[in-house]
Structures are given as structure tokens and as C-alpha cells.
C-alpha atoms as a PDB file:
ATOM      1  CA  MET A   1      11.941 -30.188 -26.969  1.00  0.00           C
ATOM      2  CA  LYS A   2      11.195 -28.837 -23.504  1.00  0.00           C
ATOM      3  CA  LYS A   3       8.438 -30.740 -21.708  1.00  0.00           C
ATOM      4  CA  ARG A   4       5.488 -28.683 -20.523  1.00  0.00           C
ATOM      5  CA  LEU A   5       4.580 -29.341 -16.898  1.00  0.00           C
ATOM      6  CA  THR A   6       1.112 -30.444 -15.908  1.00  0.00           C
ATOM      7  CA  ASN A   7      -0.589 -28.331 -13.244  1.00  0.00           C
ATOM      8  CA  LYS A   8       0.228 -30.955 -10.623  1.00  0.00           C
ATOM      9  CA  GLU A   9       3.890 -31.126 -11.676  1.00  0.00           C
ATOM     10  CA  LEU A  10       4.100 -27.320 -11.675  1.00  0.00           C
ATOM     11  CA  TYR A  11       2.605 -27.141  -8.193  1.00  0.00           C
ATOM     12  CA  TYR A  12       5.150 -29.541  -6.675  1.00  0.00           C
ATOM     13  CA  TYR A  13       8.001 -27.889  -8.581  1.00  0.00           C
ATOM     14  CA  LEU A  14       7.026 -24.530  -7.045  1.00  0.00           C
ATOM     15  CA  ILE A  15       6.754 -26.072  -3.588  1.00  0.00           C
ATOM     16  CA  ASP A  16      10.348 -27.318  -3.981  1.00  0.00           C
ATOM     17  CA  GLU A  17      11.521 -23.841  -5.023  1.00  0.00           C
ATOM     18  CA  VAL A  18       9.796 -22.009  -2.177  1.00  0.00           C
ATOM     19  CA  THR A  19      11.363 -24.370   0.371  1.00  0.00           C
ATOM     20  CA  GLU A  20      14.883 -24.021  -1.090  1.00  0.00           C
ATOM     21  CA  ARG A  21      17.209 -22.572   1.544  1.00  0.00           C
ATOM     22  CA  PHE A  22      17.843 -18.824   1.476  1.00  0.00           C
ATOM     23  CA  GLU A  23      20.194 -17.107   3.917  1.00  0.00           C
ATOM     24  CA  GLY A  24      21.971 -13.816   4.352  1.00  0.00           C
ATOM     25  CA  TRP A  25      21.324 -11.663   1.310  1.00  0.00           C
ATOM     26  CA  ASP A  26      22.655 -14.085  -1.270  1.00  0.00           C
ATOM     27  CA  PHE A  27      20.848 -14.505  -4.601  1.00  0.00           C
ATOM     28  CA  SER A  28      23.552 -16.658  -6.186  1.00  0.00           C
ATOM     29  CA  TYR A  29      21.060 -19.547  -6.427  1.00  0.00           C
ATOM     30  CA  LEU A  30      19.325 -17.465  -9.110  1.00  0.00           C
ATOM     31  CA  GLU A  31      22.001 -15.112 -10.417  1.00  0.00           C
ATOM     32  CA  SER A  32      24.923 -17.525 -10.841  1.00  0.00           C
ATOM     33  CA  THR A  33      22.713 -19.788 -12.936  1.00  0.00           C
ATOM     34  CA  GLY A  34      21.303 -16.912 -14.989  1.00  0.00           C
ATOM     35  CA  ARG A  35      17.718 -17.610 -13.931  1.00  0.00           C
ATOM     36  CA  MET A  36      17.355 -13.969 -12.833  1.00  0.00           C
ATOM     37  CA  GLN A  37      19.261 -11.027 -14.310  1.00  0.00           C
ATOM     38  CA  GLU A  38      19.078  -7.367 -13.359  1.00  0.00           C
ATOM     39  CA  PHE A  39      19.771  -4.973 -16.220  1.00  0.00           C
ATOM     40  CA  PRO A  40      22.815  -2.731 -15.562  1.00  0.00           C
ATOM     41  CA  LEU A  41      22.409   0.544 -13.700  1.00  0.00           C
ATOM     42  CA  SER A  42      24.076   3.781 -14.789  1.00  0.00           C
ATOM     43  CA  TRP A  43      26.319   3.676 -11.687  1.00  0.00           C
ATOM     44  CA  ASN A  44      28.172   1.034  -9.677  1.00  0.00           C
ATOM     45  CA  TYR A  45      27.496   1.149  -5.937  1.00  0.00           C
ATOM     46  CA  ARG A  46      30.682  -0.678  -4.995  1.00  0.00           C
ATOM     47  CA  ASN A  47      32.831   1.736  -6.972  1.00  0.00           C
ATOM     48  CA  LYS A  48      31.124   4.677  -5.260  1.00  0.00           C
ATOM     49  CA  VAL A  49      31.766   3.162  -1.835  1.00  0.00           C
ATOM     50  CA  ILE A  50      35.238   1.620  -2.118  1.00  0.00           C
ATOM     51  CA  MET A  51      37.286   4.830  -2.383  1.00  0.00           C
ATOM     52  CA  GLU A  52      35.516   6.336   0.630  1.00  0.00           C
ATOM     53  CA  VAL A  53      36.118   3.141   2.633  1.00  0.00           C
ATOM     54  CA  LYS A  54      39.848   3.391   1.965  1.00  0.00           C
ATOM     55  CA  GLU A  55      39.931   6.931   3.365  1.00  0.00           C
ATOM     56  CA  ALA A  56      37.682   6.408   6.420  1.00  0.00           C
ATOM     57  CA  SER A  57      38.828   5.538   9.934  1.00  0.00           C
ATOM     58  CA  SER A  58      35.328   4.517  11.052  1.00  0.00           C
ATOM     59  CA  LEU A  59      32.570   2.813   9.078  1.00  0.00           C
ATOM     60  CA  LEU A  60      29.001   1.656   9.609  1.00  0.00           C
ATOM     61  CA  ASP A  61      27.285  -0.710   7.165  1.00  0.00           C
ATOM     62  CA  MET A  62      23.538  -0.484   7.736  1.00  0.00           C
ATOM     63  CA  GLY A  63      21.536  -3.634   7.011  1.00  0.00           C
ATOM     64  CA  THR A  64      24.558  -5.799   6.248  1.00  0.00           C
ATOM     65  CA  GLY A  65      22.540  -8.971   5.616  1.00  0.00           C
ATOM     66  CA  GLY A  66      25.012 -11.764   6.129  1.00  0.00           C
ATOM     67  CA  GLY A  67      27.930  -9.371   5.589  1.00  0.00           C
ATOM     68  CA  GLU A  68      28.354 -10.534   1.992  1.00  0.00           C
ATOM     69  CA  PHE A  69      28.931  -7.105   0.446  1.00  0.00           C
ATOM     70  CA  LEU A  70      30.994  -5.620   3.269  1.00  0.00           C
ATOM     71  CA  TYR A  71      33.333  -8.616   3.163  1.00  0.00           C
ATOM     72  CA  THR A  72      34.306  -7.665  -0.413  1.00  0.00           C
ATOM     73  CA  LEU A  73      35.491  -4.212   0.742  1.00  0.00           C
ATOM     74  CA  ARG A  74      38.451  -5.505   2.790  1.00  0.00           C
ATOM     75  CA  PRO A  75      40.665  -4.148   4.229  1.00  0.00           C
ATOM     76  CA  LEU A  76      38.146  -2.340   6.406  1.00  0.00           C
ATOM     77  CA  PRO A  77      38.650   0.689   8.666  1.00  0.00           C
ATOM     78  CA  GLU A  78      39.942  -0.138  12.135  1.00  0.00           C
ATOM     79  CA  TYR A  79      36.578   0.713  13.686  1.00  0.00           C
ATOM     80  CA  THR A  80      33.875  -0.936  11.584  1.00  0.00           C
ATOM     81  CA  CYS A  81      30.363  -1.809  12.738  1.00  0.00           C
ATOM     82  CA  VAL A  82      27.311  -3.262  11.058  1.00  0.00           C
ATOM     83  CA  THR A  83      23.607  -3.351  11.859  1.00  0.00           C
ATOM     84  CA  GLU A  84      21.101  -6.010  10.837  1.00  0.00           C
ATOM     85  CA  GLY A  85      17.430  -6.421  11.660  1.00  0.00           C
ATOM     86  CA  HIS A  86      16.686  -9.901  10.317  1.00  0.00           C
ATOM     87  CA  LYS A  87      17.437 -12.363  13.116  1.00  0.00           C
ATOM     88  CA  PRO A  88      18.517 -15.322  10.931  1.00  0.00           C
ATOM     89  CA  ASN A  89      21.226 -13.104   9.394  1.00  0.00           C
ATOM     90  CA  ILE A  90      22.841 -12.140  12.717  1.00  0.00           C
ATOM     91  CA  SER A  91      24.787 -15.365  13.240  1.00  0.00           C
ATOM     92  CA  ILE A  92      25.793 -15.444   9.558  1.00  0.00           C
ATOM     93  CA  ALA A  93      27.121 -11.884   9.764  1.00  0.00           C
ATOM     94  CA  LYS A  94      28.967 -12.615  13.015  1.00  0.00           C
ATOM     95  CA  ASN A  95      30.624 -15.720  11.591  1.00  0.00           C
ATOM     96  CA  ARG A  96      31.743 -13.839   8.505  1.00  0.00           C
ATOM     97  CA  LEU A  97      32.690 -10.449   9.984  1.00  0.00           C
ATOM     98  CA  GLU A  98      33.731 -10.824  13.612  1.00  0.00           C
ATOM     99  CA  PRO A  99      37.022 -12.551  12.644  1.00  0.00           C
ATOM    100  CA  LEU A 100      37.800  -9.278  10.812  1.00  0.00           C
ATOM    101  CA  GLY A 101      37.224  -7.274  14.001  1.00  0.00           C
ATOM    102  CA  VAL A 102      33.815  -5.988  12.863  1.00  0.00           C
ATOM    103  CA  LYS A 103      31.205  -5.396  15.571  1.00  0.00           C
ATOM    104  CA  VAL A 104      27.730  -6.723  14.722  1.00  0.00           C
ATOM    105  CA  PHE A 105      24.632  -5.077  16.218  1.00  0.00           C
ATOM    106  CA  GLU A 106      21.091  -6.392  15.986  1.00  0.00           C
ATOM    107  CA  VAL A 107      18.815  -3.410  15.354  1.00  0.00           C
ATOM    108  CA  GLU A 108      15.034  -3.556  15.136  1.00  0.00           C
ATOM    109  CA  VAL A 109      14.124   0.159  15.150  1.00  0.00           C
ATOM    110  CA  ASP A 110      15.693   2.641  12.711  1.00  0.00           C
ATOM    111  CA  GLU A 111      15.085   5.579  15.057  1.00  0.00           C
ATOM    112  CA  TYR A 112      17.244   4.233  17.904  1.00  0.00           C
ATOM    113  CA  LEU A 113      20.708   3.075  16.926  1.00  0.00           C
ATOM    114  CA  PRO A 114      23.150   1.828  19.601  1.00  0.00           C
ATOM    115  CA  PHE A 115      25.873   4.395  18.889  1.00  0.00           C
ATOM    116  CA  GLU A 116      27.027   7.678  20.421  1.00  0.00           C
ATOM    117  CA  GLY A 117      26.608  10.869  18.436  1.00  0.00           C
ATOM    118  CA  GLU A 118      29.262  11.671  15.817  1.00  0.00           C
ATOM    119  CA  THR A 119      30.710   8.144  15.764  1.00  0.00           C
ATOM    120  CA  PHE A 120      31.261   7.395  12.068  1.00  0.00           C
ATOM    121  CA  GLU A 121      33.131   9.112   9.256  1.00  0.00           C
ATOM    122  CA  LEU A 122      31.327   6.958   6.713  1.00  0.00           C
ATOM    123  CA  ILE A 123      27.924   5.267   6.727  1.00  0.00           C
ATOM    124  CA  ILE A 124      26.963   2.992   3.838  1.00  0.00           C
ATOM    125  CA  ASN A 125      23.517   1.580   3.223  1.00  0.00           C
ATOM    126  CA  LYS A 126      22.512  -0.745   0.408  1.00  0.00           C
ATOM    127  CA  HIS A 127      18.779  -1.442   0.192  1.00  0.00           C
ATOM    128  CA  GLU A 128      18.135  -0.877   3.909  1.00  0.00           C
ATOM    129  CA  SER A 129      15.644   1.432   5.627  1.00  0.00           C
ATOM    130  CA  TYR A 130      17.035   4.261   7.748  1.00  0.00           C
ATOM    131  CA  SER A 131      16.103   7.298   9.803  1.00  0.00           C
ATOM    132  CA  PRO A 132      17.617  10.478   8.297  1.00  0.00           C
ATOM    133  CA  LYS A 133      17.692  12.029  11.767  1.00  0.00           C
ATOM    134  CA  GLU A 134      19.664   9.095  13.216  1.00  0.00           C
ATOM    135  CA  VAL A 135      22.045   9.039  10.254  1.00  0.00           C
ATOM    136  CA  LYS A 136      22.847  12.695  10.890  1.00  0.00           C
ATOM    137  CA  ARG A 137      23.226  12.158  14.653  1.00  0.00           C
ATOM    138  CA  ILE A 138      25.822   9.391  14.380  1.00  0.00           C
ATOM    139  CA  LEU A 139      27.771  10.938  11.485  1.00  0.00           C
ATOM    140  CA  LYS A 140      30.903  12.870  12.368  1.00  0.00           C
ATOM    141  CA  ASP A 141      31.283  16.431  11.137  1.00  0.00           C
ATOM    142  CA  LYS A 142      32.034  16.255   7.385  1.00  0.00           C
ATOM    143  CA  GLY A 143      31.000  12.582   7.507  1.00  0.00           C
ATOM    144  CA  ILE A 144      29.545  10.933   4.402  1.00  0.00           C
ATOM    145  CA  PHE A 145      26.378   8.885   3.923  1.00  0.00           C
ATOM    146  CA  ILE A 146      26.123   6.715   0.806  1.00  0.00           C
ATOM    147  CA  THR A 147      22.954   4.799   0.045  1.00  0.00           C
ATOM    148  CA  GLN A 148      21.515   2.803  -2.814  1.00  0.00           C
ATOM    149  CA  GLN A 149      17.794   2.238  -2.340  1.00  0.00           C
ATOM    150  CA  VAL A 150      15.174   0.020  -3.928  1.00  0.00           C
ATOM    151  CA  GLY A 151      12.450   2.337  -5.213  1.00  0.00           C
ATOM    152  CA  GLY A 152       8.758   1.756  -4.623  1.00  0.00           C
ATOM    153  CA  LEU A 153       8.026   0.877  -8.262  1.00  0.00           C
ATOM    154  CA  ASN A 154      10.347  -2.127  -8.041  1.00  0.00           C
ATOM    155  CA  ASP A 155       8.638  -5.367  -9.147  1.00  0.00           C
ATOM    156  CA  LYS A 156       5.273  -3.587  -9.347  1.00  0.00           C
ATOM    157  CA  GLU A 157       4.186  -5.925 -12.167  1.00  0.00           C
ATOM    158  CA  ILE A 158       4.399  -8.911  -9.813  1.00  0.00           C
ATOM    159  CA  ASN A 159       1.647  -7.422  -7.663  1.00  0.00           C
ATOM    160  CA  GLU A 160      -0.355  -6.464 -10.732  1.00  0.00           C
ATOM    161  CA  ILE A 161      -0.223  -9.917 -12.315  1.00  0.00           C
ATOM    162  CA  LEU A 162      -0.932 -11.706  -9.042  1.00  0.00           C
ATOM    163  CA  GLU A 163      -3.715  -9.186  -8.324  1.00  0.00           C
ATOM    164  CA  ALA A 164      -2.108  -8.742  -4.910  1.00  0.00           C
ATOM    165  CA  LYS A 165      -2.307  -5.629  -2.773  1.00  0.00           C
ATOM    166  CA  GLU A 166      -0.144  -2.745  -4.022  1.00  0.00           C
ATOM    167  CA  PHE A 167       3.272  -2.516  -2.353  1.00  0.00           C
ATOM    168  CA  GLU A 168       2.867  -0.263   0.687  1.00  0.00           C
ATOM    169  CA  LEU A 169       5.932   1.893  -0.085  1.00  0.00           C
ATOM    170  CA  ILE A 170       5.211   2.382  -3.777  1.00  0.00           C
ATOM    171  CA  ASP A 171       5.823   6.159  -3.466  1.00  0.00           C
ATOM    172  CA  TRP A 172       9.419   5.700  -2.201  1.00  0.00           C
ATOM    173  CA  ASN A 173      11.682   7.464  -4.713  1.00  0.00           C
ATOM    174  CA  LEU A 174      14.718   9.714  -5.136  1.00  0.00           C
ATOM    175  CA  GLU A 175      12.824  12.975  -4.725  1.00  0.00           C
ATOM    176  CA  LYS A 176      11.275  11.868  -1.447  1.00  0.00           C
ATOM    177  CA  ALA A 177      14.552  10.530  -0.043  1.00  0.00           C
ATOM    178  CA  VAL A 178      16.499  13.657  -0.991  1.00  0.00           C
ATOM    179  CA  GLY A 179      13.824  15.823   0.615  1.00  0.00           C
ATOM    180  CA  GLN A 180      14.040  13.873   3.857  1.00  0.00           C
ATOM    181  CA  LEU A 181      17.843  14.062   4.032  1.00  0.00           C
ATOM    182  CA  GLU A 182      17.903  17.770   3.224  1.00  0.00           C
ATOM    183  CA  GLY A 183      15.153  18.235   5.773  1.00  0.00           C
ATOM    184  CA  VAL A 184      17.477  17.177   8.601  1.00  0.00           C
ATOM    185  CA  GLY A 185      20.303  19.367   7.304  1.00  0.00           C
ATOM    186  CA  LEU A 186      22.404  16.970   5.240  1.00  0.00           C
ATOM    187  CA  LYS A 187      23.923  18.259   2.004  1.00  0.00           C
ATOM    188  CA  ILE A 188      23.379  16.215  -1.165  1.00  0.00           C
ATOM    189  CA  PHE A 189      26.489  15.843  -3.329  1.00  0.00           C
ATOM    190  CA  GLU A 190      25.330  13.235  -5.800  1.00  0.00           C
ATOM    191  CA  GLN A 191      22.005  11.672  -6.751  1.00  0.00           C
ATOM    192  CA  LYS A 192      20.666   9.494  -9.533  1.00  0.00           C
ATOM    193  CA  GLU A 193      17.637   7.314 -10.246  1.00  0.00           C
ATOM    194  CA  ASP A 194      17.169   4.446 -12.712  1.00  0.00           C
ATOM    195  CA  LEU A 195      14.189   2.469 -13.935  1.00  0.00           C
ATOM    196  CA  VAL A 196      15.502  -0.617 -15.705  1.00  0.00           C
ATOM    197  CA  LYS A 197      14.370  -4.268 -15.749  1.00  0.00           C
ATOM    198  CA  THR A 198      14.806  -7.527 -13.891  1.00  0.00           C
ATOM    199  CA  ARG A 199      14.386 -10.529 -16.178  1.00  0.00           C
ATOM    200  CA  PHE A 200      13.252 -13.954 -14.979  1.00  0.00           C
ATOM    201  CA  TYR A 201      13.607 -17.052 -17.124  1.00  0.00           C
ATOM    202  CA  ASP A 202      11.462 -19.481 -15.137  1.00  0.00           C
ATOM    203  CA  ILE A 203       8.544 -19.349 -12.719  1.00  0.00           C
ATOM    204  CA  GLY A 204      10.488 -21.207 -10.019  1.00  0.00           C
ATOM    205  CA  ALA A 205      12.971 -18.334  -9.846  1.00  0.00           C
ATOM    206  CA  ILE A 206      10.111 -15.898  -9.225  1.00  0.00           C
ATOM    207  CA  VAL A 207       8.702 -18.018  -6.400  1.00  0.00           C
ATOM    208  CA  TYR A 208      12.131 -18.299  -4.742  1.00  0.00           C
ATOM    209  CA  TYR A 209      12.604 -14.546  -5.143  1.00  0.00           C
ATOM    210  CA  LEU A 210       9.235 -13.763  -3.532  1.00  0.00           C
ATOM    211  CA  LYS A 211      10.194 -15.898  -0.542  1.00  0.00           C
ATOM    212  CA  ALA A 212      13.381 -13.827  -0.166  1.00  0.00           C
ATOM    213  CA  ILE A 213      11.491 -10.494  -0.287  1.00  0.00           C
ATOM    214  CA  PRO A 214       8.319 -11.240   1.723  1.00  0.00           C
ATOM    215  CA  TRP A 215       7.395  -7.544   1.994  1.00  0.00           C
ATOM    216  CA  GLN A 216       6.520  -7.406  -1.724  1.00  0.00           C
ATOM    217  CA  VAL A 217       3.527  -9.759  -1.418  1.00  0.00           C
ATOM    218  CA  PRO A 218       3.125 -10.355   2.340  1.00  0.00           C
ATOM    219  CA  ASP A 219       0.388 -12.983   2.006  1.00  0.00           C
ATOM    220  CA  PHE A 220       2.166 -14.971  -0.713  1.00  0.00           C
ATOM    221  CA  THR A 221       1.726 -18.736  -0.788  1.00  0.00           C
ATOM    222  CA  ILE A 222       1.768 -21.162  -3.702  1.00  0.00           C
ATOM    223  CA  GLU A 223      -1.775 -22.254  -2.903  1.00  0.00           C
ATOM    224  CA  ARG A 224      -3.247 -18.739  -2.722  1.00  0.00           C
ATOM    225  CA  TYR A 225      -1.697 -17.542  -5.987  1.00  0.00           C
ATOM    226  CA  PHE A 226      -1.376 -20.741  -7.995  1.00  0.00           C
ATOM    227  CA  ASP A 227      -3.792 -19.697 -10.769  1.00  0.00           C
ATOM    228  CA  LYS A 228      -1.892 -16.434 -11.318  1.00  0.00           C
ATOM    229  CA  LEU A 229       1.454 -18.218 -11.148  1.00  0.00           C
ATOM    230  CA  LEU A 230       0.150 -20.510 -13.870  1.00  0.00           C
ATOM    231  CA  GLU A 231      -0.488 -17.438 -16.040  1.00  0.00           C
ATOM    232  CA  ILE A 232       3.115 -16.296 -15.529  1.00  0.00           C
ATOM    233  CA  TYR A 233       4.349 -19.809 -16.316  1.00  0.00           C
ATOM    234  CA  ASN A 234       2.375 -19.772 -19.579  1.00  0.00           C
ATOM    235  CA  GLN A 235       3.819 -16.383 -20.537  1.00  0.00           C
ATOM    236  CA  ILE A 236       7.381 -17.563 -19.907  1.00  0.00           C
ATOM    237  CA  GLU A 237       6.649 -20.681 -21.956  1.00  0.00           C
ATOM    238  CA  ARG A 238       5.613 -18.451 -24.880  1.00  0.00           C
ATOM    239  CA  LEU A 239       8.318 -15.763 -24.685  1.00  0.00           C
ATOM    240  CA  GLY A 240      11.134 -17.473 -22.786  1.00  0.00           C
ATOM    241  CA  TYR A 241      11.215 -14.828 -20.055  1.00  0.00           C
ATOM    242  CA  ILE A 242       9.267 -12.157 -18.195  1.00  0.00           C
ATOM    243  CA  ASP A 243      10.473  -8.663 -17.248  1.00  0.00           C
ATOM    244  CA  PHE A 244       9.611  -6.656 -14.158  1.00  0.00           C
ATOM    245  CA  THR A 245      10.559  -3.074 -13.291  1.00  0.00           C
ATOM    246  CA  CYS A 246      13.863  -2.655 -11.433  1.00  0.00           C
ATOM    247  CA  HIS A 247      13.745   0.690  -9.591  1.00  0.00           C
ATOM    248  CA  ARG A 248      16.943   1.939  -7.938  1.00  0.00           C
ATOM    249  CA  PHE A 249      18.249   5.288  -6.759  1.00  0.00           C
ATOM    250  CA  PHE A 250      21.530   6.454  -5.322  1.00  0.00           C
ATOM    251  CA  ILE A 251      22.515   9.313  -2.991  1.00  0.00           C
ATOM    252  CA  ILE A 252      25.731  10.671  -1.509  1.00  0.00           C
ATOM    253  CA  ALA A 253      25.155  13.150   1.327  1.00  0.00           C
ATOM    254  CA  SER A 254      27.397  14.871   3.851  1.00  0.00           C
ATOM    255  CA  LYS A 255      27.027  16.373   7.299  1.00  0.00           C
ATOM    256  CA  GLU A 256      28.220  19.931   6.891  1.00  0.00           C
END
């Protein structure tokens, strides 16, 4: 029979989880052990991207993290670049991608990218912010932009249960993104939006996850939210899991 943790034991267990190393954009610590599982989407981002990568002579991966996803798309176009805004990821991305001939650029402001106009045939973007105007500027004529975004309703229950401030981009959705891209003159070829679930099987996984996505609850600490974390722990003890909303949307656009 599973032993129930005392409050003191739970506190120190959560402290251990929040200090567990996280680097790049790698959730294998949770996903490979089944502690966190996202329900399937009605599309596969990699499948959407891979055929375009094979046809492109120039590629930009926006917000590459540690280059984990891009690395799986090899062989890459001869001219491939990536951007990344999180400083700890820069060296990870360079170590992984520069041996492949990929150029890594640290970018802090979406509105000013270090590329000439009409540089890339293909721009891919998984869960990264972007400026529609800049995307259009650096796309070649007939170039393609493919993005999968995390919608604003993602993990909204975490904020509700913790009684934390509502996520500041809660209104970010497919309709808004499509409107912005069309507003700068890009043509939308494909679009889709899903609201599914992310399931967590233990409270430690949630704490580790919140450390990895600090924008969801910016003032998160174990001490500040311990009483609410205890409520989540009790719910998982009763049901075996807890579900949060997983909000994703997908767009393919072209510069006509």
C-alpha cells in the first residue's frame, strides 16, 4: 500500500523536485517515466514540417530550445539557422547544432531579427513567440511559415487551483493568430485548434513542470503555494491523477 506523506515529507519532496535539473526544452524526466502525459492532438507537427524541410534550401527554426526537435529533422537544408531567447539554452543548442553547420543566434526581441529580408524559404516555430511582420520580412517570396502554438487556456486550472493570477496571455488563440498573420499579408493554407488534456500522476511532476514554464505562475515557490499544492496532492491521492487543459493550435501560412 502506498505510504501517504506527512506535510513535512511532502514539503521536502517538492523542494527536491523543484531543484531537479532542467535544460534545453526536454521534458523526458516527466514524459519518459509517464508522470506527465499529453493527450494526442488531431495533427502531428513533425509530420507537417518534415516534408517541407526536405524541399527547402534555407530554414529558420524559431525558439529552438536546446535544438532537440530540429536535430530530429536531419538532414537539414544547407543554410539552416536557429534563434533562441533563453540564455542557458544557447550553449546547449550550439553544442548540438553547430557540428551540423547550423548557425545559432541569440534573440531577445521578436521585432528585430538578425537576418536580411527574404532570407528563408521555410520558417518553423514550435511554441515560440514571433512578430508576424518580421516573419513576413525574412520569408522569401512563396516562402512557408509553419507554427504550432500553446494557446492561452493551456494549464488554466493550475492558476485556478493555486488561486494565482490569471495567465497574462489567456486570450491567445487560433482566431487571433490567424488575424495577425493575415493582417500583414500572409495567406493561410491550413489551420486547426485543439483543446485536449495534460494528465499528471504526482504532485512532484507538477512542481517540476511549473519550474520549466515560469511564465504560467511567475511568483511560484513551494513556500508561497504549499497549502494549495497540498490540495492537489490530496486530489491525486484520491483519483490517481489530475487533468489540466492542453490548448494547442496549428497554422501553415505563405508569403504570396
